[in-house]
Every structure is written in structure tokens, then in C-alpha cells.
Amino acid sequence: MELKHSYTDYKNMAEAVAVRLGEIPKCAVVLGSGLGFIKDRLTDCRSMRYDEIPGFTLPGNPNHSGVLSAGRLTGIPVLLLSGRAHCYEGYDMARVAGYVRMLALLKVKKLVLTNAAGSLRPEMNPGSFMLISDHIKLCAESPLTGPHMPEFGKRFVDLTRCYDPELRAAAKRAANTAGVVLREGVYMYFAGPQYETPAEIRAAKALGADAVGMSTVPEAIMARSVGIRLLAVSCITNLAAGLSDWEISDAHVAETAQKTAGEFERLLSGILENIHTI
């Protein structure tokens, strides 16, 4: 069994970040596959690599640079996490989502998760965006499995309002202002690293999913457990298996995400501006 982080481990992570980066913004953003370019837009930027944080779980995906940065995006203070680890790299969910507990100790109050996802809806084409309203996770594993740490909230967590309604409303206003089409839907988690089969996609659609991906849900559960308000946005990079003639590949996913750069930057900037005072 993989060794779990202890409360002391999370505290050591938070202390290392605070010493290196100084004042920590109250809003954090996790950048998914192909979206790391946002780091280059920061002003007043202070950065450190994930491997400089003791015990931090490191991403192995080459599209995830593994850099933590504090700065301002269009004048709004933000903490950026460029990339994340995934369960398909051999980590359990508690390790993948453990950084959220570090954020809680750093007094982060709001978290914006972004990801690359496959669409199950024909009108939600590659290059578009989906605001996550809820998720489906059928695998038995949970990021909260293991010894209970009361410092990080209750043992049994209500996920009814996991994706904060007020933050979602603010994101919709930001999209309207920026002229970006932002649909809303349910994200279904698959562990990967293989992409889904056409039969799995048909099952996901029957269950009510609108998009599928390999991240976000572990961190969403962890954020809810520690009391961090959550918003999540998918960049649609492909139609899911069986819905097009294209072969799905990680290179295509990253390329499509990068093509959305202008719209994504406008959308994220507007979201941060709208949720900054909420």
C-alpha cells in the first residue's frame, strides 16, 4: 500500500511555499494539458518548481511543467499550478489531490480547476469550453480514503454543492462579457491512461455525462472536504471515442488546447476578476 501523507507533511509543504513565494493569493488555478502558457502572462511573478516542495507529488505528463507561481493576471492576484499528477502515473487519489490540503493550509479560499476533456455532445466541438456543474466517478477509490485528519474537515463529505453555484454564475457572466461560448455539463472521470472505448462512451452518455477526462474529480472532492470553494472548466479538445473518425492522441489534445489560447485567457481573466471579491 502506498504511504499516505501526514498532517506534518502537508504543513511542511505549505511552509516551504510560503517561505519561497511570500504572500499567497487567496485564489488558485490549476492549469490542465496544453494550458500552461497562462504562466507567461503573469506579472509580479514568483515561481518555484514542484520538486522544490518537500513531498509534493510530481506530474509525469510532459504537457504538465510542474511549476507553482504567484503573481497577477490582468491585475488580479492568483496562485498558478502549472500541471498536476494523475492516478494513471501510479499514485493513489490522496497523493494526486494532496496539494489541495497544502492550499488549505496556505489559506487559499477559492480554487479553479481546468482540464482537457472529450465531448459527448455533438454541439460541443473541440476548441469549446464546458463549465462543470457536477461529476460522475464510478471507481471505488476516494482521495479521502485512509486515516481521518480532522484538521482538514469532516470524515463524511456532502458533494451536493461541490461546484460552487455562485462561482459558476460568475463564470457565466465572465464568458458573456468576453464573448466566449461556455456551455455547462457533467464531467465523468476515467482513470486512464488509455482513452475510453466507444462502449464506455455510450454508457457514460446514458448515465448523464457530457464530457470525459482523467483528472479534476480527485481534487474537487478534496477541495470540498477542506472547505475551499470550487470552480472547474473543461477545454474540449476532442470528440469522445466513437463520435468521430479521428484517432485520439495526447499530441492532438495538447495541440487543440493551445489553439484555444486567446479565448481561454480572456475567459480565465474574466473569471478571476468576477470571483475576486466573492
C-alpha atoms as a PDB file:
ATOM      1  CA  MET A   1       0.000   0.000   0.000  1.00  0.00           C
ATOM      2  CA  GLU A   2       1.276   3.489  -0.896  1.00  0.00           C
ATOM      3  CA  LEU A   3       2.319   5.587   2.090  1.00  0.00           C
ATOM      4  CA  LYS A   4      -0.119   8.429   2.806  1.00  0.00           C
ATOM      5  CA  HIS A   5       0.954  11.974   3.537  1.00  0.00           C
ATOM      6  CA  SER A   6       0.625  13.003   7.175  1.00  0.00           C
ATOM      7  CA  TYR A   7      -0.579  16.340   8.514  1.00  0.00           C
ATOM      8  CA  THR A   8       3.070  17.223   9.179  1.00  0.00           C
ATOM      9  CA  ASP A   9       3.912  16.514   5.527  1.00  0.00           C
ATOM     10  CA  TYR A  10       1.238  18.938   4.329  1.00  0.00           C
ATOM     11  CA  LYS A  11       2.392  21.533   6.845  1.00  0.00           C
ATOM     12  CA  ASN A  12       5.983  21.225   5.608  1.00  0.00           C
ATOM     13  CA  MET A  13       4.812  21.705   2.015  1.00  0.00           C
ATOM     14  CA  ALA A  14       2.876  24.841   2.924  1.00  0.00           C
ATOM     15  CA  GLU A  15       5.754  26.301   4.914  1.00  0.00           C
ATOM     16  CA  ALA A  16       8.204  25.753   2.039  1.00  0.00           C
ATOM     17  CA  VAL A  17       5.877  27.539  -0.377  1.00  0.00           C
ATOM     18  CA  ALA A  18       5.217  30.448   1.989  1.00  0.00           C
ATOM     19  CA  VAL A  19       8.939  30.978   2.579  1.00  0.00           C
ATOM     20  CA  ARG A  20       9.728  30.922  -1.134  1.00  0.00           C
ATOM     21  CA  LEU A  21       6.765  32.805  -2.618  1.00  0.00           C
ATOM     22  CA  GLY A  22       5.869  35.186   0.200  1.00  0.00           C
ATOM     23  CA  GLU A  23       2.283  36.430   0.300  1.00  0.00           C
ATOM     24  CA  ILE A  24      -0.047  33.779  -1.124  1.00  0.00           C
ATOM     25  CA  PRO A  25      -3.071  34.849  -3.205  1.00  0.00           C
ATOM     26  CA  LYS A  26      -6.469  33.664  -1.985  1.00  0.00           C
ATOM     27  CA  CYS A  27      -7.409  32.172  -5.367  1.00  0.00           C
ATOM     28  CA  ALA A  28      -5.540  29.286  -7.007  1.00  0.00           C
ATOM     29  CA  VAL A  29      -5.815  27.974 -10.573  1.00  0.00           C
ATOM     30  CA  VAL A  30      -4.678  24.557 -11.794  1.00  0.00           C
ATOM     31  CA  LEU A  31      -3.722  24.563 -15.477  1.00  0.00           C
ATOM     32  CA  GLY A  32      -4.536  21.395 -17.415  1.00  0.00           C
ATOM     33  CA  SER A  33      -2.963  19.877 -20.529  1.00  0.00           C
ATOM     34  CA  GLY A  34      -1.887  22.478 -23.079  1.00  0.00           C
ATOM     35  CA  LEU A  35      -2.945  25.426 -20.895  1.00  0.00           C
ATOM     36  CA  GLY A  36       0.349  26.155 -19.136  1.00  0.00           C
ATOM     37  CA  PHE A  37       1.021  29.206 -21.321  1.00  0.00           C
ATOM     38  CA  ILE A  38      -1.023  31.268 -18.849  1.00  0.00           C
ATOM     39  CA  LYS A  39       2.005  31.332 -16.528  1.00  0.00           C
ATOM     40  CA  ASP A  40       3.811  33.540 -19.063  1.00  0.00           C
ATOM     41  CA  ARG A  41       1.038  36.135 -18.744  1.00  0.00           C
ATOM     42  CA  LEU A  42       1.652  36.740 -15.025  1.00  0.00           C
ATOM     43  CA  THR A  43       3.126  39.988 -13.728  1.00  0.00           C
ATOM     44  CA  ASP A  44       4.960  40.332 -10.395  1.00  0.00           C
ATOM     45  CA  CYS A  45       5.647  36.615 -10.778  1.00  0.00           C
ATOM     46  CA  ARG A  46       7.456  34.470  -8.199  1.00  0.00           C
ATOM     47  CA  SER A  47       7.889  30.800  -9.055  1.00  0.00           C
ATOM     48  CA  MET A  48       9.216  27.525  -7.729  1.00  0.00           C
ATOM     49  CA  ARG A  49       9.319  24.024  -9.155  1.00  0.00           C
ATOM     50  CA  TYR A  50       7.156  21.311  -7.642  1.00  0.00           C
ATOM     51  CA  ASP A  51      10.291  19.281  -6.903  1.00  0.00           C
ATOM     52  CA  GLU A  52      11.426  22.097  -4.594  1.00  0.00           C
ATOM     53  CA  ILE A  53       8.386  21.471  -2.374  1.00  0.00           C
ATOM     54  CA  PRO A  54       9.141  18.610   0.054  1.00  0.00           C
ATOM     55  CA  GLY A  55       6.896  15.622  -0.615  1.00  0.00           C
ATOM     56  CA  PHE A  56       4.917  17.271  -3.433  1.00  0.00           C
ATOM     57  CA  THR A  57       3.520  14.733  -5.907  1.00  0.00           C
ATOM     58  CA  LEU A  58       5.202  15.364  -9.265  1.00  0.00           C
ATOM     59  CA  PRO A  59       3.459  15.145 -12.656  1.00  0.00           C
ATOM     60  CA  GLY A  60       4.961  12.828 -15.245  1.00  0.00           C
ATOM     61  CA  ASN A  61       2.991  14.080 -18.255  1.00  0.00           C
ATOM     62  CA  PRO A  62       5.316  16.205 -20.449  1.00  0.00           C
ATOM     63  CA  ASN A  63       2.447  18.646 -21.057  1.00  0.00           C
ATOM     64  CA  HIS A  64       2.465  19.489 -17.318  1.00  0.00           C
ATOM     65  CA  SER A  65       5.533  21.572 -16.442  1.00  0.00           C
ATOM     66  CA  GLY A  66       5.286  21.261 -12.660  1.00  0.00           C
ATOM     67  CA  VAL A  67       5.750  24.902 -11.623  1.00  0.00           C
ATOM     68  CA  LEU A  68       3.976  26.829  -8.846  1.00  0.00           C
ATOM     69  CA  SER A  69       3.726  30.587  -9.421  1.00  0.00           C
ATOM     70  CA  ALA A  70       2.275  33.523  -7.519  1.00  0.00           C
ATOM     71  CA  GLY A  71       1.572  36.770  -9.328  1.00  0.00           C
ATOM     72  CA  ARG A  72      -1.130  38.800 -11.037  1.00  0.00           C
ATOM     73  CA  LEU A  73      -3.200  38.043 -14.120  1.00  0.00           C
ATOM     74  CA  THR A  74      -4.700  41.257 -15.508  1.00  0.00           C
ATOM     75  CA  GLY A  75      -4.099  42.770 -12.088  1.00  0.00           C
ATOM     76  CA  ILE A  76      -5.823  40.031 -10.053  1.00  0.00           C
ATOM     77  CA  PRO A  77      -3.666  38.111  -7.533  1.00  0.00           C
ATOM     78  CA  VAL A  78      -3.537  34.407  -8.364  1.00  0.00           C
ATOM     79  CA  LEU A  79      -1.604  31.277  -7.457  1.00  0.00           C
ATOM     80  CA  LEU A  80      -0.997  29.162 -10.574  1.00  0.00           C
ATOM     81  CA  LEU A  81      -0.228  25.455 -10.566  1.00  0.00           C
ATOM     82  CA  SER A  82       1.145  24.532 -13.985  1.00  0.00           C
ATOM     83  CA  GLY A  83       0.174  20.893 -14.241  1.00  0.00           C
ATOM     84  CA  ARG A  84      -0.905  18.083 -11.948  1.00  0.00           C
ATOM     85  CA  ALA A  85      -0.154  14.442 -11.241  1.00  0.00           C
ATOM     86  CA  HIS A  86      -2.612  11.777 -12.385  1.00  0.00           C
ATOM     87  CA  CYS A  87      -3.677   8.440 -10.941  1.00  0.00           C
ATOM     88  CA  TYR A  88      -2.541   6.681 -14.123  1.00  0.00           C
ATOM     89  CA  GLU A  89       1.044   7.522 -13.135  1.00  0.00           C
ATOM     90  CA  GLY A  90       0.733   5.082 -10.245  1.00  0.00           C
ATOM     91  CA  TYR A  91      -0.368   7.466  -7.481  1.00  0.00           C
ATOM     92  CA  ASP A  92      -3.474   6.950  -5.406  1.00  0.00           C
ATOM     93  CA  MET A  93      -6.107   9.688  -5.310  1.00  0.00           C
ATOM     94  CA  ALA A  94      -4.934  11.001  -1.946  1.00  0.00           C
ATOM     95  CA  ARG A  95      -1.480  11.681  -3.398  1.00  0.00           C
ATOM     96  CA  VAL A  96      -2.860  13.204  -6.593  1.00  0.00           C
ATOM     97  CA  ALA A  97      -5.175  15.572  -4.716  1.00  0.00           C
ATOM     98  CA  GLY A  98      -2.986  16.129  -1.658  1.00  0.00           C
ATOM     99  CA  TYR A  99      -1.803  19.528  -2.848  1.00  0.00           C
ATOM    100  CA  VAL A 100      -5.314  20.837  -2.108  1.00  0.00           C
ATOM    101  CA  ARG A 101      -4.673  20.280   1.591  1.00  0.00           C
ATOM    102  CA  MET A 102      -1.471  22.279   1.204  1.00  0.00           C
ATOM    103  CA  LEU A 103      -3.526  25.080  -0.377  1.00  0.00           C
ATOM    104  CA  ALA A 104      -5.915  24.988   2.574  1.00  0.00           C
ATOM    105  CA  LEU A 105      -3.002  25.480   4.976  1.00  0.00           C
ATOM    106  CA  LEU A 106      -1.875  28.417   2.818  1.00  0.00           C
ATOM    107  CA  LYS A 107      -5.349  29.970   3.374  1.00  0.00           C
ATOM    108  CA  VAL A 108      -6.428  29.684  -0.261  1.00  0.00           C
ATOM    109  CA  LYS A 109     -10.204  30.238  -0.352  1.00  0.00           C
ATOM    110  CA  LYS A 110     -11.128  29.582  -3.993  1.00  0.00           C
ATOM    111  CA  LEU A 111      -9.823  27.027  -6.493  1.00  0.00           C
ATOM    112  CA  VAL A 112     -10.320  26.989 -10.260  1.00  0.00           C
ATOM    113  CA  LEU A 113      -9.577  23.620 -11.846  1.00  0.00           C
ATOM    114  CA  THR A 114      -9.052  23.384 -15.605  1.00  0.00           C
ATOM    115  CA  ASN A 115      -8.621  20.324 -17.768  1.00  0.00           C
ATOM    116  CA  ALA A 116      -8.671  18.949 -21.283  1.00  0.00           C
ATOM    117  CA  ALA A 117     -11.733  16.785 -21.914  1.00  0.00           C
ATOM    118  CA  GLY A 118     -13.518  14.777 -24.568  1.00  0.00           C
ATOM    119  CA  SER A 119     -17.032  15.817 -25.568  1.00  0.00           C
ATOM    120  CA  LEU A 120     -20.078  13.552 -25.695  1.00  0.00           C
ATOM    121  CA  ARG A 121     -22.261  16.285 -27.190  1.00  0.00           C
ATOM    122  CA  PRO A 122     -22.082  16.966 -30.943  1.00  0.00           C
ATOM    123  CA  GLU A 123     -22.659  20.704 -30.470  1.00  0.00           C
ATOM    124  CA  MET A 124     -19.742  20.904 -28.012  1.00  0.00           C
ATOM    125  CA  ASN A 125     -16.909  20.765 -30.528  1.00  0.00           C
ATOM    126  CA  PRO A 126     -13.132  20.724 -29.974  1.00  0.00           C
ATOM    127  CA  GLY A 127     -11.947  24.194 -29.046  1.00  0.00           C
ATOM    128  CA  SER A 128     -15.021  24.999 -26.960  1.00  0.00           C
ATOM    129  CA  PHE A 129     -15.387  25.181 -23.174  1.00  0.00           C
ATOM    130  CA  MET A 130     -17.612  23.494 -20.618  1.00  0.00           C
ATOM    131  CA  LEU A 131     -18.342  24.686 -17.102  1.00  0.00           C
ATOM    132  CA  ILE A 132     -18.571  21.637 -14.841  1.00  0.00           C
ATOM    133  CA  SER A 133     -21.825  21.530 -12.886  1.00  0.00           C
ATOM    134  CA  ASP A 134     -21.363  18.049 -11.407  1.00  0.00           C
ATOM    135  CA  HIS A 135     -19.311  14.901 -11.866  1.00  0.00           C
ATOM    136  CA  ILE A 136     -19.629  11.129 -12.102  1.00  0.00           C
ATOM    137  CA  LYS A 137     -16.981   8.873 -10.566  1.00  0.00           C
ATOM    138  CA  LEU A 138     -17.741   5.170 -10.657  1.00  0.00           C
ATOM    139  CA  CYS A 139     -14.388   3.862  -9.433  1.00  0.00           C
ATOM    140  CA  ALA A 140     -14.337   2.865  -5.771  1.00  0.00           C
ATOM    141  CA  GLU A 141     -11.243   4.838  -4.790  1.00  0.00           C
ATOM    142  CA  SER A 142     -11.576   8.180  -2.977  1.00  0.00           C
ATOM    143  CA  PRO A 143      -8.962  10.836  -2.137  1.00  0.00           C
ATOM    144  CA  LEU A 144     -10.384  10.792   1.396  1.00  0.00           C
ATOM    145  CA  THR A 145      -9.578   7.109   1.983  1.00  0.00           C
ATOM    146  CA  GLY A 146      -7.191   6.497   4.873  1.00  0.00           C
ATOM    147  CA  PRO A 147      -6.767   7.811   8.412  1.00  0.00           C
ATOM    148  CA  HIS A 148      -9.075  10.761   9.085  1.00  0.00           C
ATOM    149  CA  MET A 149      -7.363  14.129   9.559  1.00  0.00           C
ATOM    150  CA  PRO A 150      -9.845  16.348  11.452  1.00  0.00           C
ATOM    151  CA  GLU A 151      -7.676  19.391  10.656  1.00  0.00           C
ATOM    152  CA  PHE A 152      -8.978  19.070   7.083  1.00  0.00           C
ATOM    153  CA  GLY A 153     -12.689  18.788   7.757  1.00  0.00           C
ATOM    154  CA  LYS A 154     -15.323  16.154   8.361  1.00  0.00           C
ATOM    155  CA  ARG A 155     -14.902  12.454   7.638  1.00  0.00           C
ATOM    156  CA  PHE A 156     -18.084  12.227   5.554  1.00  0.00           C
ATOM    157  CA  VAL A 157     -18.369  14.994   2.960  1.00  0.00           C
ATOM    158  CA  ASP A 158     -21.536  16.219   1.207  1.00  0.00           C
ATOM    159  CA  LEU A 159     -20.832  16.766  -2.511  1.00  0.00           C
ATOM    160  CA  THR A 160     -24.249  18.234  -3.383  1.00  0.00           C
ATOM    161  CA  ARG A 161     -22.791  21.722  -3.961  1.00  0.00           C
ATOM    162  CA  CYS A 162     -19.277  20.625  -4.829  1.00  0.00           C
ATOM    163  CA  TYR A 163     -19.094  23.014  -7.805  1.00  0.00           C
ATOM    164  CA  ASP A 164     -19.974  26.337  -6.197  1.00  0.00           C
ATOM    165  CA  PRO A 165     -23.188  27.809  -7.719  1.00  0.00           C
ATOM    166  CA  GLU A 166     -22.176  31.422  -7.044  1.00  0.00           C
ATOM    167  CA  LEU A 167     -18.779  30.949  -8.698  1.00  0.00           C
ATOM    168  CA  ARG A 168     -20.412  29.209 -11.656  1.00  0.00           C
ATOM    169  CA  ALA A 169     -22.774  32.162 -12.123  1.00  0.00           C
ATOM    170  CA  ALA A 170     -19.762  34.489 -12.049  1.00  0.00           C
ATOM    171  CA  ALA A 171     -18.031  32.354 -14.695  1.00  0.00           C
ATOM    172  CA  LYS A 172     -21.070  32.564 -16.971  1.00  0.00           C
ATOM    173  CA  ARG A 173     -21.066  36.355 -16.670  1.00  0.00           C
ATOM    174  CA  ALA A 174     -17.362  36.404 -17.492  1.00  0.00           C
ATOM    175  CA  ALA A 175     -17.933  34.286 -20.590  1.00  0.00           C
ATOM    176  CA  ASN A 176     -20.708  36.591 -21.802  1.00  0.00           C
ATOM    177  CA  THR A 177     -18.518  39.647 -21.306  1.00  0.00           C
ATOM    178  CA  ALA A 178     -15.561  38.007 -23.073  1.00  0.00           C
ATOM    179  CA  GLY A 179     -17.677  36.753 -25.962  1.00  0.00           C
ATOM    180  CA  VAL A 180     -16.725  33.143 -25.222  1.00  0.00           C
ATOM    181  CA  VAL A 181     -19.266  30.338 -25.569  1.00  0.00           C
ATOM    182  CA  LEU A 182     -19.307  28.480 -22.239  1.00  0.00           C
ATOM    183  CA  ARG A 183     -21.621  25.505 -22.061  1.00  0.00           C
ATOM    184  CA  GLU A 184     -22.386  23.687 -18.828  1.00  0.00           C
ATOM    185  CA  GLY A 185     -22.446  19.976 -18.130  1.00  0.00           C
ATOM    186  CA  VAL A 186     -21.449  16.883 -16.196  1.00  0.00           C
ATOM    187  CA  TYR A 187     -17.857  15.606 -16.268  1.00  0.00           C
ATOM    188  CA  MET A 188     -17.205  11.878 -15.925  1.00  0.00           C
ATOM    189  CA  TYR A 189     -13.919  10.664 -14.511  1.00  0.00           C
ATOM    190  CA  PHE A 190     -11.953   7.813 -16.084  1.00  0.00           C
ATOM    191  CA  ALA A 191      -8.578   6.906 -14.573  1.00  0.00           C
ATOM    192  CA  GLY A 192      -6.736   6.334 -17.884  1.00  0.00           C
ATOM    193  CA  PRO A 193      -4.136   6.426 -19.287  1.00  0.00           C
ATOM    194  CA  GLN A 194      -5.965   4.686 -22.120  1.00  0.00           C
ATOM    195  CA  TYR A 195      -8.759   6.674 -23.700  1.00  0.00           C
ATOM    196  CA  GLU A 196     -12.293   5.369 -23.333  1.00  0.00           C
ATOM    197  CA  THR A 197     -13.862   2.772 -25.620  1.00  0.00           C
ATOM    198  CA  PRO A 198     -16.908   3.629 -27.743  1.00  0.00           C
ATOM    199  CA  ALA A 199     -18.969   1.320 -25.499  1.00  0.00           C
ATOM    200  CA  GLU A 200     -17.782   3.165 -22.392  1.00  0.00           C
ATOM    201  CA  ILE A 201     -18.737   6.455 -24.010  1.00  0.00           C
ATOM    202  CA  ARG A 202     -22.224   5.158 -24.800  1.00  0.00           C
ATOM    203  CA  ALA A 203     -22.551   4.083 -21.157  1.00  0.00           C
ATOM    204  CA  ALA A 204     -21.284   7.461 -19.939  1.00  0.00           C
ATOM    205  CA  LYS A 205     -23.826   9.252 -22.108  1.00  0.00           C
ATOM    206  CA  ALA A 206     -26.630   7.057 -20.770  1.00  0.00           C
ATOM    207  CA  LEU A 207     -25.555   7.972 -17.230  1.00  0.00           C
ATOM    208  CA  GLY A 208     -25.807  11.689 -17.992  1.00  0.00           C
ATOM    209  CA  ALA A 209     -22.209  12.650 -18.741  1.00  0.00           C
ATOM    210  CA  ASP A 210     -21.427  15.464 -21.168  1.00  0.00           C
ATOM    211  CA  ALA A 211     -17.616  15.206 -21.152  1.00  0.00           C
ATOM    212  CA  VAL A 212     -14.961  12.738 -20.012  1.00  0.00           C
ATOM    213  CA  GLY A 213     -11.437  13.108 -18.691  1.00  0.00           C
ATOM    214  CA  MET A 214      -8.695  11.747 -16.439  1.00  0.00           C
ATOM    215  CA  SER A 215      -8.341  14.440 -13.778  1.00  0.00           C
ATOM    216  CA  THR A 216     -10.154  17.077 -11.702  1.00  0.00           C
ATOM    217  CA  VAL A 217     -12.525  14.857  -9.703  1.00  0.00           C
ATOM    218  CA  PRO A 218      -9.984  13.816  -7.017  1.00  0.00           C
ATOM    219  CA  GLU A 219      -9.082  17.471  -6.417  1.00  0.00           C
ATOM    220  CA  ALA A 220     -12.731  18.528  -6.493  1.00  0.00           C
ATOM    221  CA  ILE A 221     -13.598  16.078  -3.724  1.00  0.00           C
ATOM    222  CA  MET A 222     -10.588  17.181  -1.698  1.00  0.00           C
ATOM    223  CA  ALA A 223     -11.445  20.871  -2.139  1.00  0.00           C
ATOM    224  CA  ARG A 224     -14.970  20.261  -0.902  1.00  0.00           C
ATOM    225  CA  SER A 225     -13.644  18.373   2.121  1.00  0.00           C
ATOM    226  CA  VAL A 226     -11.315  21.213   3.212  1.00  0.00           C
ATOM    227  CA  GLY A 227     -13.867  23.977   2.548  1.00  0.00           C
ATOM    228  CA  ILE A 228     -12.239  25.593  -0.493  1.00  0.00           C
ATOM    229  CA  ARG A 229     -14.841  26.973  -2.899  1.00  0.00           C
ATOM    230  CA  LEU A 230     -14.536  25.288  -6.282  1.00  0.00           C
ATOM    231  CA  LEU A 231     -14.999  26.140  -9.937  1.00  0.00           C
ATOM    232  CA  ALA A 232     -13.990  23.830 -12.798  1.00  0.00           C
ATOM    233  CA  VAL A 233     -13.761  24.415 -16.553  1.00  0.00           C
ATOM    234  CA  SER A 234     -13.029  21.865 -19.287  1.00  0.00           C
ATOM    235  CA  CYS A 235     -11.342  22.786 -22.533  1.00  0.00           C
ATOM    236  CA  ILE A 236     -12.927  20.434 -25.051  1.00  0.00           C
ATOM    237  CA  THR A 237     -10.055  19.024 -27.107  1.00  0.00           C
ATOM    238  CA  ASN A 238     -11.721  16.119 -28.913  1.00  0.00           C
ATOM    239  CA  LEU A 239     -14.947  14.275 -29.506  1.00  0.00           C
ATOM    240  CA  ALA A 240     -15.031  11.155 -27.352  1.00  0.00           C
ATOM    241  CA  ALA A 241     -14.349   7.683 -28.749  1.00  0.00           C
ATOM    242  CA  GLY A 242     -16.769   6.543 -31.430  1.00  0.00           C
ATOM    243  CA  LEU A 243     -18.127  10.031 -32.124  1.00  0.00           C
ATOM    244  CA  SER A 244     -15.675  10.929 -34.906  1.00  0.00           C
ATOM    245  CA  ASP A 245     -13.284   9.247 -37.340  1.00  0.00           C
ATOM    246  CA  TRP A 246     -10.229  10.839 -35.700  1.00  0.00           C
ATOM    247  CA  GLU A 247      -7.846   8.761 -33.614  1.00  0.00           C
ATOM    248  CA  ILE A 248      -7.484  10.345 -30.177  1.00  0.00           C
ATOM    249  CA  SER A 249      -3.904  11.145 -29.113  1.00  0.00           C
ATOM    250  CA  ASP A 250      -2.216  13.196 -26.402  1.00  0.00           C
ATOM    251  CA  ALA A 251      -0.471  15.280 -29.076  1.00  0.00           C
ATOM    252  CA  HIS A 252      -3.813  16.200 -30.631  1.00  0.00           C
ATOM    253  CA  VAL A 253      -5.245  17.028 -27.200  1.00  0.00           C
ATOM    254  CA  ALA A 254      -2.357  19.397 -26.400  1.00  0.00           C
ATOM    255  CA  GLU A 255      -2.465  20.988 -29.862  1.00  0.00           C
ATOM    256  CA  THR A 256      -6.188  21.702 -29.655  1.00  0.00           C
ATOM    257  CA  ALA A 257      -5.850  23.164 -26.156  1.00  0.00           C
ATOM    258  CA  GLN A 258      -3.119  25.507 -27.357  1.00  0.00           C
ATOM    259  CA  LYS A 259      -5.321  26.708 -30.212  1.00  0.00           C
ATOM    260  CA  THR A 260      -7.824  27.986 -27.658  1.00  0.00           C
ATOM    261  CA  ALA A 261      -5.175  30.219 -26.038  1.00  0.00           C
ATOM    262  CA  GLY A 262      -6.778  33.579 -26.796  1.00  0.00           C
ATOM    263  CA  GLU A 263     -10.287  32.603 -25.748  1.00  0.00           C
ATOM    264  CA  PHE A 264      -9.082  30.716 -22.683  1.00  0.00           C
ATOM    265  CA  GLU A 265      -7.014  33.662 -21.493  1.00  0.00           C
ATOM    266  CA  ARG A 266      -9.974  36.041 -21.879  1.00  0.00           C
ATOM    267  CA  LEU A 267     -12.275  33.609 -20.116  1.00  0.00           C
ATOM    268  CA  LEU A 268      -9.918  32.923 -17.211  1.00  0.00           C
ATOM    269  CA  SER A 269      -9.088  36.606 -16.759  1.00  0.00           C
ATOM    270  CA  GLY A 270     -12.780  37.450 -16.628  1.00  0.00           C
ATOM    271  CA  ILE A 271     -13.497  34.638 -14.198  1.00  0.00           C
ATOM    272  CA  LEU A 272     -10.748  35.779 -11.830  1.00  0.00           C
ATOM    273  CA  GLU A 273     -11.993  39.359 -11.989  1.00  0.00           C
ATOM    274  CA  ASN A 274     -15.565  38.278 -11.209  1.00  0.00           C
ATOM    275  CA  ILE A 275     -14.786  35.875  -8.363  1.00  0.00           C
ATOM    276  CA  HIS A 276     -12.063  38.016  -6.779  1.00  0.00           C
ATOM    277  CA  THR A 277     -14.497  39.832  -4.491  1.00  0.00           C
ATOM    278  CA  ILE A 278     -16.966  36.974  -3.919  1.00  0.00           C
END
